[in-house]
N, C-alpha and C. Protein backbone atom coordinates (compact mmCIF):
# COMPACT_ATOMS: atom_id res chain seq x y z
N MET A 1 0.85 -1.18 0.00
CA MET A 1 0.00 0.00 0.00
C MET A 1 0.89 1.23 0.00
N ALA A 2 0.82 1.99 -1.02
CA ALA A 2 1.61 3.21 -1.11
C ALA A 2 0.73 4.41 -0.78
N GLY A 3 1.32 5.43 -0.21
CA GLY A 3 0.56 6.64 0.08
C GLY A 3 -0.20 6.56 1.38
N LYS A 4 -1.04 7.55 1.60
CA LYS A 4 -1.82 7.64 2.83
C LYS A 4 -3.13 6.88 2.67
N PHE A 5 -3.53 6.21 3.76
CA PHE A 5 -4.76 5.43 3.68
C PHE A 5 -5.46 5.35 5.02
N VAL A 6 -6.77 5.03 4.93
CA VAL A 6 -7.63 4.80 6.08
C VAL A 6 -8.19 3.40 5.93
N ILE A 7 -8.13 2.62 6.99
CA ILE A 7 -8.68 1.25 6.98
C ILE A 7 -10.16 1.32 7.33
N VAL A 8 -10.97 0.55 6.60
CA VAL A 8 -12.42 0.53 6.84
C VAL A 8 -12.84 -0.90 7.18
N ASP A 9 -13.52 -1.05 8.30
CA ASP A 9 -13.96 -2.35 8.79
C ASP A 9 -15.40 -2.65 8.35
N THR A 10 -15.71 -3.91 8.25
CA THR A 10 -17.05 -4.37 7.87
C THR A 10 -18.13 -3.72 8.73
N SER A 11 -17.89 -3.63 10.02
CA SER A 11 -18.92 -3.12 10.93
C SER A 11 -19.36 -1.70 10.58
N SER A 12 -18.43 -0.84 10.22
CA SER A 12 -18.79 0.54 9.85
C SER A 12 -19.49 0.59 8.50
N ILE A 13 -19.07 -0.26 7.59
CA ILE A 13 -19.68 -0.29 6.26
C ILE A 13 -21.15 -0.69 6.38
N ILE A 14 -21.39 -1.81 7.04
CA ILE A 14 -22.75 -2.35 7.16
C ILE A 14 -23.63 -1.45 8.04
N PHE A 15 -23.08 -0.99 9.16
CA PHE A 15 -23.86 -0.11 10.03
C PHE A 15 -24.28 1.15 9.29
N GLY A 16 -23.34 1.78 8.62
CA GLY A 16 -23.66 3.01 7.88
C GLY A 16 -24.77 2.79 6.88
N LEU A 17 -24.64 1.75 6.08
CA LEU A 17 -25.67 1.48 5.07
C LEU A 17 -27.01 1.14 5.70
N SER A 18 -27.00 0.50 6.85
CA SER A 18 -28.27 0.17 7.52
C SER A 18 -28.98 1.43 8.01
N LYS A 19 -28.23 2.52 8.16
CA LYS A 19 -28.80 3.81 8.58
C LYS A 19 -28.87 4.79 7.42
N LYS A 20 -28.72 4.25 6.19
CA LYS A 20 -28.82 5.04 4.95
C LYS A 20 -27.67 6.03 4.78
N HIS A 21 -26.47 5.63 5.22
CA HIS A 21 -25.28 6.46 5.08
C HIS A 21 -24.16 5.62 4.48
N ASP A 22 -23.33 6.25 3.68
CA ASP A 22 -22.20 5.60 3.03
C ASP A 22 -20.91 6.01 3.75
N VAL A 23 -20.32 5.09 4.49
CA VAL A 23 -19.11 5.39 5.24
C VAL A 23 -17.96 5.79 4.31
N PHE A 24 -17.93 5.23 3.11
CA PHE A 24 -16.86 5.56 2.18
C PHE A 24 -16.92 7.04 1.77
N SER A 25 -18.12 7.53 1.49
CA SER A 25 -18.28 8.95 1.14
C SER A 25 -17.90 9.85 2.30
N ALA A 26 -18.29 9.47 3.50
CA ALA A 26 -17.95 10.26 4.69
C ALA A 26 -16.44 10.30 4.89
N LEU A 27 -15.77 9.17 4.67
CA LEU A 27 -14.32 9.12 4.82
C LEU A 27 -13.61 9.90 3.72
N GLU A 28 -14.12 9.83 2.50
CA GLU A 28 -13.52 10.59 1.40
C GLU A 28 -13.61 12.09 1.67
N GLU A 29 -14.71 12.52 2.28
CA GLU A 29 -14.86 13.93 2.62
C GLU A 29 -13.89 14.33 3.73
N ARG A 30 -13.75 13.47 4.71
CA ARG A 30 -12.88 13.75 5.87
C ARG A 30 -11.39 13.62 5.53
N PHE A 31 -11.06 12.71 4.61
CA PHE A 31 -9.67 12.44 4.25
C PHE A 31 -9.48 12.57 2.74
N PRO A 32 -9.59 13.78 2.19
CA PRO A 32 -9.43 13.94 0.74
C PRO A 32 -8.02 13.52 0.31
N GLY A 33 -7.97 12.77 -0.78
CA GLY A 33 -6.68 12.33 -1.30
C GLY A 33 -6.16 11.04 -0.70
N TYR A 34 -6.83 10.52 0.31
CA TYR A 34 -6.41 9.27 0.93
C TYR A 34 -7.09 8.09 0.24
N SER A 35 -6.42 6.95 0.24
CA SER A 35 -7.05 5.72 -0.22
C SER A 35 -7.84 5.13 0.94
N LEU A 36 -8.88 4.40 0.62
CA LEU A 36 -9.66 3.67 1.62
C LEU A 36 -9.29 2.21 1.44
N LEU A 37 -8.86 1.57 2.51
CA LEU A 37 -8.30 0.22 2.41
C LEU A 37 -9.14 -0.79 3.16
N ILE A 38 -9.47 -1.87 2.47
CA ILE A 38 -10.08 -3.05 3.10
C ILE A 38 -9.24 -4.23 2.66
N SER A 39 -9.41 -5.34 3.32
CA SER A 39 -8.66 -6.54 2.95
C SER A 39 -9.56 -7.53 2.21
N GLN A 40 -8.93 -8.50 1.58
CA GLN A 40 -9.71 -9.56 0.94
C GLN A 40 -10.50 -10.32 2.00
N GLY A 41 -9.95 -10.41 3.21
CA GLY A 41 -10.68 -11.04 4.32
C GLY A 41 -11.97 -10.29 4.64
N ILE A 42 -11.92 -8.96 4.61
CA ILE A 42 -13.12 -8.15 4.83
C ILE A 42 -14.09 -8.34 3.67
N MET A 43 -13.57 -8.38 2.45
CA MET A 43 -14.43 -8.64 1.29
C MET A 43 -15.14 -9.98 1.45
N ASN A 44 -14.39 -11.00 1.88
CA ASN A 44 -14.98 -12.32 2.08
C ASN A 44 -16.07 -12.28 3.15
N GLU A 45 -15.83 -11.51 4.19
CA GLU A 45 -16.82 -11.37 5.26
C GLU A 45 -18.09 -10.71 4.72
N ILE A 46 -17.93 -9.65 3.94
CA ILE A 46 -19.08 -8.95 3.36
C ILE A 46 -19.83 -9.87 2.39
N LYS A 47 -19.08 -10.60 1.56
CA LYS A 47 -19.72 -11.55 0.63
C LYS A 47 -20.51 -12.61 1.38
N GLY A 48 -19.96 -13.08 2.49
CA GLY A 48 -20.67 -14.07 3.31
C GLY A 48 -21.97 -13.54 3.85
N ILE A 49 -21.96 -12.30 4.32
CA ILE A 49 -23.18 -11.67 4.84
C ILE A 49 -24.17 -11.46 3.69
N ALA A 50 -23.66 -11.01 2.54
CA ALA A 50 -24.52 -10.76 1.37
C ALA A 50 -25.19 -12.05 0.87
N GLY A 51 -24.50 -13.16 1.02
CA GLY A 51 -25.03 -14.43 0.53
C GLY A 51 -26.01 -15.10 1.47
N GLY A 52 -26.20 -14.52 2.65
CA GLY A 52 -27.11 -15.11 3.62
C GLY A 52 -28.49 -14.51 3.55
N ASN A 53 -29.31 -14.89 4.51
CA ASN A 53 -30.68 -14.39 4.58
C ASN A 53 -30.90 -13.48 5.78
N GLY A 54 -29.82 -13.08 6.44
CA GLY A 54 -29.93 -12.25 7.63
C GLY A 54 -30.39 -10.84 7.31
N ARG A 55 -30.66 -10.09 8.37
CA ARG A 55 -31.19 -8.74 8.18
C ARG A 55 -30.18 -7.78 7.57
N TYR A 56 -28.90 -8.14 7.55
CA TYR A 56 -27.89 -7.26 6.97
C TYR A 56 -27.48 -7.65 5.55
N ALA A 57 -28.09 -8.70 5.00
CA ALA A 57 -27.71 -9.18 3.67
C ALA A 57 -27.87 -8.10 2.60
N LYS A 58 -28.97 -7.36 2.63
CA LYS A 58 -29.18 -6.34 1.60
C LYS A 58 -28.16 -5.21 1.72
N TYR A 59 -27.73 -4.91 2.94
CA TYR A 59 -26.72 -3.86 3.12
C TYR A 59 -25.35 -4.35 2.64
N ALA A 60 -25.08 -5.61 2.86
CA ALA A 60 -23.81 -6.18 2.39
C ALA A 60 -23.78 -6.21 0.86
N LYS A 61 -24.90 -6.51 0.24
CA LYS A 61 -24.97 -6.48 -1.23
C LYS A 61 -24.72 -5.06 -1.74
N ALA A 62 -25.32 -4.08 -1.08
CA ALA A 62 -25.10 -2.68 -1.47
C ALA A 62 -23.63 -2.30 -1.27
N ALA A 63 -23.01 -2.79 -0.19
CA ALA A 63 -21.60 -2.51 0.07
C ALA A 63 -20.73 -3.05 -1.06
N LEU A 64 -21.02 -4.25 -1.53
CA LEU A 64 -20.25 -4.83 -2.63
C LEU A 64 -20.35 -3.98 -3.89
N GLU A 65 -21.54 -3.47 -4.16
CA GLU A 65 -21.72 -2.59 -5.33
C GLU A 65 -20.89 -1.32 -5.19
N ILE A 66 -20.92 -0.72 -4.02
CA ILE A 66 -20.16 0.51 -3.78
C ILE A 66 -18.66 0.23 -3.92
N ILE A 67 -18.20 -0.84 -3.33
CA ILE A 67 -16.77 -1.18 -3.38
C ILE A 67 -16.32 -1.40 -4.82
N ASN A 68 -17.14 -2.06 -5.60
CA ASN A 68 -16.78 -2.34 -7.00
C ASN A 68 -16.77 -1.08 -7.87
N ARG A 69 -17.55 -0.07 -7.50
CA ARG A 69 -17.64 1.17 -8.28
C ARG A 69 -16.60 2.21 -7.87
N ASN A 70 -16.21 2.21 -6.62
CA ASN A 70 -15.37 3.28 -6.07
C ASN A 70 -13.89 3.00 -6.33
N LYS A 71 -13.26 3.85 -7.10
CA LYS A 71 -11.85 3.67 -7.48
C LYS A 71 -10.89 3.99 -6.34
N ARG A 72 -11.35 4.69 -5.30
CA ARG A 72 -10.46 5.03 -4.18
C ARG A 72 -10.40 3.93 -3.13
N ILE A 73 -11.23 2.90 -3.28
CA ILE A 73 -11.19 1.79 -2.35
C ILE A 73 -10.20 0.76 -2.88
N GLU A 74 -9.19 0.47 -2.07
CA GLU A 74 -8.20 -0.53 -2.44
C GLU A 74 -8.41 -1.77 -1.60
N ILE A 75 -8.12 -2.91 -2.19
CA ILE A 75 -8.30 -4.18 -1.49
C ILE A 75 -6.94 -4.84 -1.32
N SER A 76 -6.55 -5.02 -0.06
CA SER A 76 -5.32 -5.74 0.26
C SER A 76 -5.54 -7.22 -0.04
N ARG A 77 -4.51 -7.91 -0.43
CA ARG A 77 -4.63 -9.33 -0.75
C ARG A 77 -4.79 -10.23 0.46
N SER A 78 -4.60 -9.68 1.64
CA SER A 78 -4.63 -10.48 2.86
C SER A 78 -5.99 -11.14 3.08
N ILE A 79 -5.94 -12.44 3.33
CA ILE A 79 -7.17 -13.16 3.67
C ILE A 79 -7.20 -13.50 5.16
N ALA A 80 -6.30 -12.88 5.92
CA ALA A 80 -6.27 -13.07 7.36
C ALA A 80 -7.59 -12.66 7.99
N TYR A 81 -7.84 -13.17 9.17
CA TYR A 81 -9.03 -12.78 9.92
C TYR A 81 -9.06 -11.25 9.98
N PRO A 82 -10.17 -10.61 9.59
CA PRO A 82 -10.20 -9.15 9.48
C PRO A 82 -9.67 -8.38 10.68
N ASP A 83 -10.08 -8.74 11.89
CA ASP A 83 -9.62 -7.99 13.06
C ASP A 83 -8.11 -8.11 13.24
N SER A 84 -7.55 -9.28 12.99
CA SER A 84 -6.10 -9.47 13.09
C SER A 84 -5.38 -8.62 12.06
N TRP A 85 -5.89 -8.61 10.84
CA TRP A 85 -5.29 -7.80 9.78
C TRP A 85 -5.36 -6.31 10.12
N ILE A 86 -6.51 -5.87 10.61
CA ILE A 86 -6.68 -4.46 10.97
C ILE A 86 -5.69 -4.07 12.07
N LEU A 87 -5.58 -4.89 13.11
CA LEU A 87 -4.65 -4.60 14.20
C LEU A 87 -3.21 -4.55 13.70
N ALA A 88 -2.84 -5.45 12.82
CA ALA A 88 -1.47 -5.48 12.29
C ALA A 88 -1.19 -4.32 11.34
N SER A 89 -2.21 -3.87 10.61
CA SER A 89 -2.04 -2.81 9.61
C SER A 89 -2.23 -1.41 10.17
N SER A 90 -2.85 -1.29 11.32
CA SER A 90 -3.21 0.02 11.86
C SER A 90 -2.03 0.97 12.10
N PRO A 91 -0.84 0.50 12.47
CA PRO A 91 0.25 1.47 12.68
C PRO A 91 0.62 2.26 11.42
N LYS A 92 0.36 1.73 10.25
CA LYS A 92 0.71 2.41 9.00
C LYS A 92 -0.43 3.30 8.49
N ALA A 93 -1.62 3.14 9.07
CA ALA A 93 -2.81 3.87 8.60
C ALA A 93 -2.95 5.21 9.31
N GLU A 94 -3.59 6.14 8.62
CA GLU A 94 -3.92 7.42 9.23
C GLU A 94 -4.98 7.22 10.32
N ALA A 95 -5.93 6.32 10.04
CA ALA A 95 -7.01 6.02 10.99
C ALA A 95 -7.65 4.69 10.60
N VAL A 96 -8.43 4.17 11.54
CA VAL A 96 -9.24 2.97 11.29
C VAL A 96 -10.68 3.34 11.60
N CYS A 97 -11.58 2.98 10.70
CA CYS A 97 -13.00 3.23 10.91
C CYS A 97 -13.68 1.90 11.21
N THR A 98 -14.17 1.75 12.43
CA THR A 98 -14.85 0.53 12.85
C THR A 98 -15.94 0.86 13.87
N ASN A 99 -16.99 0.08 13.87
CA ASN A 99 -18.04 0.19 14.87
C ASN A 99 -18.00 -0.97 15.85
N ASP A 100 -16.99 -1.80 15.75
CA ASP A 100 -16.79 -2.95 16.62
C ASP A 100 -16.18 -2.47 17.93
N ILE A 101 -16.92 -2.57 19.02
CA ILE A 101 -16.50 -2.02 20.31
C ILE A 101 -15.20 -2.65 20.80
N ALA A 102 -15.09 -3.97 20.74
CA ALA A 102 -13.88 -4.64 21.22
C ALA A 102 -12.66 -4.27 20.37
N LEU A 103 -12.86 -4.19 19.06
CA LEU A 103 -11.76 -3.81 18.17
C LEU A 103 -11.35 -2.36 18.42
N LYS A 104 -12.31 -1.47 18.62
CA LYS A 104 -11.98 -0.07 18.92
C LYS A 104 -11.11 0.02 20.18
N ARG A 105 -11.50 -0.73 21.20
CA ARG A 105 -10.76 -0.72 22.46
C ARG A 105 -9.32 -1.17 22.24
N GLU A 106 -9.14 -2.24 21.50
CA GLU A 106 -7.80 -2.78 21.24
C GLU A 106 -6.97 -1.81 20.39
N LEU A 107 -7.58 -1.21 19.38
CA LEU A 107 -6.88 -0.23 18.54
C LEU A 107 -6.44 0.98 19.35
N ARG A 108 -7.31 1.47 20.20
CA ARG A 108 -6.95 2.63 21.03
C ARG A 108 -5.83 2.28 22.00
N ARG A 109 -5.86 1.06 22.53
CA ARG A 109 -4.80 0.60 23.42
C ARG A 109 -3.45 0.61 22.70
N LYS A 110 -3.48 0.32 21.39
CA LYS A 110 -2.26 0.33 20.58
C LYS A 110 -1.89 1.74 20.10
N GLY A 111 -2.73 2.73 20.39
CA GLY A 111 -2.43 4.10 20.02
C GLY A 111 -2.91 4.50 18.63
N ALA A 112 -3.77 3.70 18.02
CA ALA A 112 -4.28 4.02 16.68
C ALA A 112 -5.40 5.06 16.76
N ALA A 113 -5.51 5.88 15.71
CA ALA A 113 -6.64 6.81 15.59
C ALA A 113 -7.85 6.00 15.13
N VAL A 114 -8.95 6.11 15.86
CA VAL A 114 -10.14 5.30 15.58
C VAL A 114 -11.35 6.20 15.37
N LEU A 115 -12.09 5.90 14.31
CA LEU A 115 -13.34 6.58 14.01
C LEU A 115 -14.47 5.56 13.96
N SER A 116 -15.69 6.04 14.15
CA SER A 116 -16.88 5.20 14.02
C SER A 116 -17.92 5.96 13.22
N MET A 117 -18.80 5.22 12.58
CA MET A 117 -19.92 5.80 11.87
C MET A 117 -21.07 5.94 12.87
N ALA A 118 -21.56 7.17 13.04
CA ALA A 118 -22.67 7.42 13.95
C ALA A 118 -24.01 7.22 13.23
N ILE A 119 -25.06 7.12 13.98
CA ILE A 119 -26.40 6.93 13.43
C ILE A 119 -26.76 8.05 12.45
N ASN A 120 -26.27 9.27 12.69
CA ASN A 120 -26.60 10.41 11.84
C ASN A 120 -25.70 10.50 10.60
N GLY A 121 -24.80 9.54 10.43
CA GLY A 121 -23.93 9.53 9.26
C GLY A 121 -22.62 10.27 9.44
N LYS A 122 -22.41 10.83 10.60
CA LYS A 122 -21.17 11.55 10.89
C LYS A 122 -20.11 10.59 11.42
N LEU A 123 -18.87 10.93 11.16
CA LEU A 123 -17.77 10.15 11.73
C LEU A 123 -17.42 10.76 13.08
N ARG A 124 -17.25 9.90 14.04
CA ARG A 124 -16.86 10.40 15.38
C ARG A 124 -15.71 9.59 15.91
């Protein structure tokens, strides 16, 4: 990964879309010129949710469409467990966007900048 980037976790993507907000657009506005980075492991997680019948399947399908259209979203080849990959990659990132409470706690403990998608569509 060259240049500046922000890591985006499945939880923020799905949560945002479930509240009619696009976390990628919010991050692009907050971090102009930065790449948005997800891993192949995160893609696999989103595809798994999209392929199911759960209440988040339609949001995961929408996430896949957004990811495929957005040229600023880069996909790391890593198929590692998403949280492990995020924790390992966070020192090189400008920030990590996640709504996962346990992951946020661990990232903050490591000194990473952490953002979350709020119900109103704002990053906090």
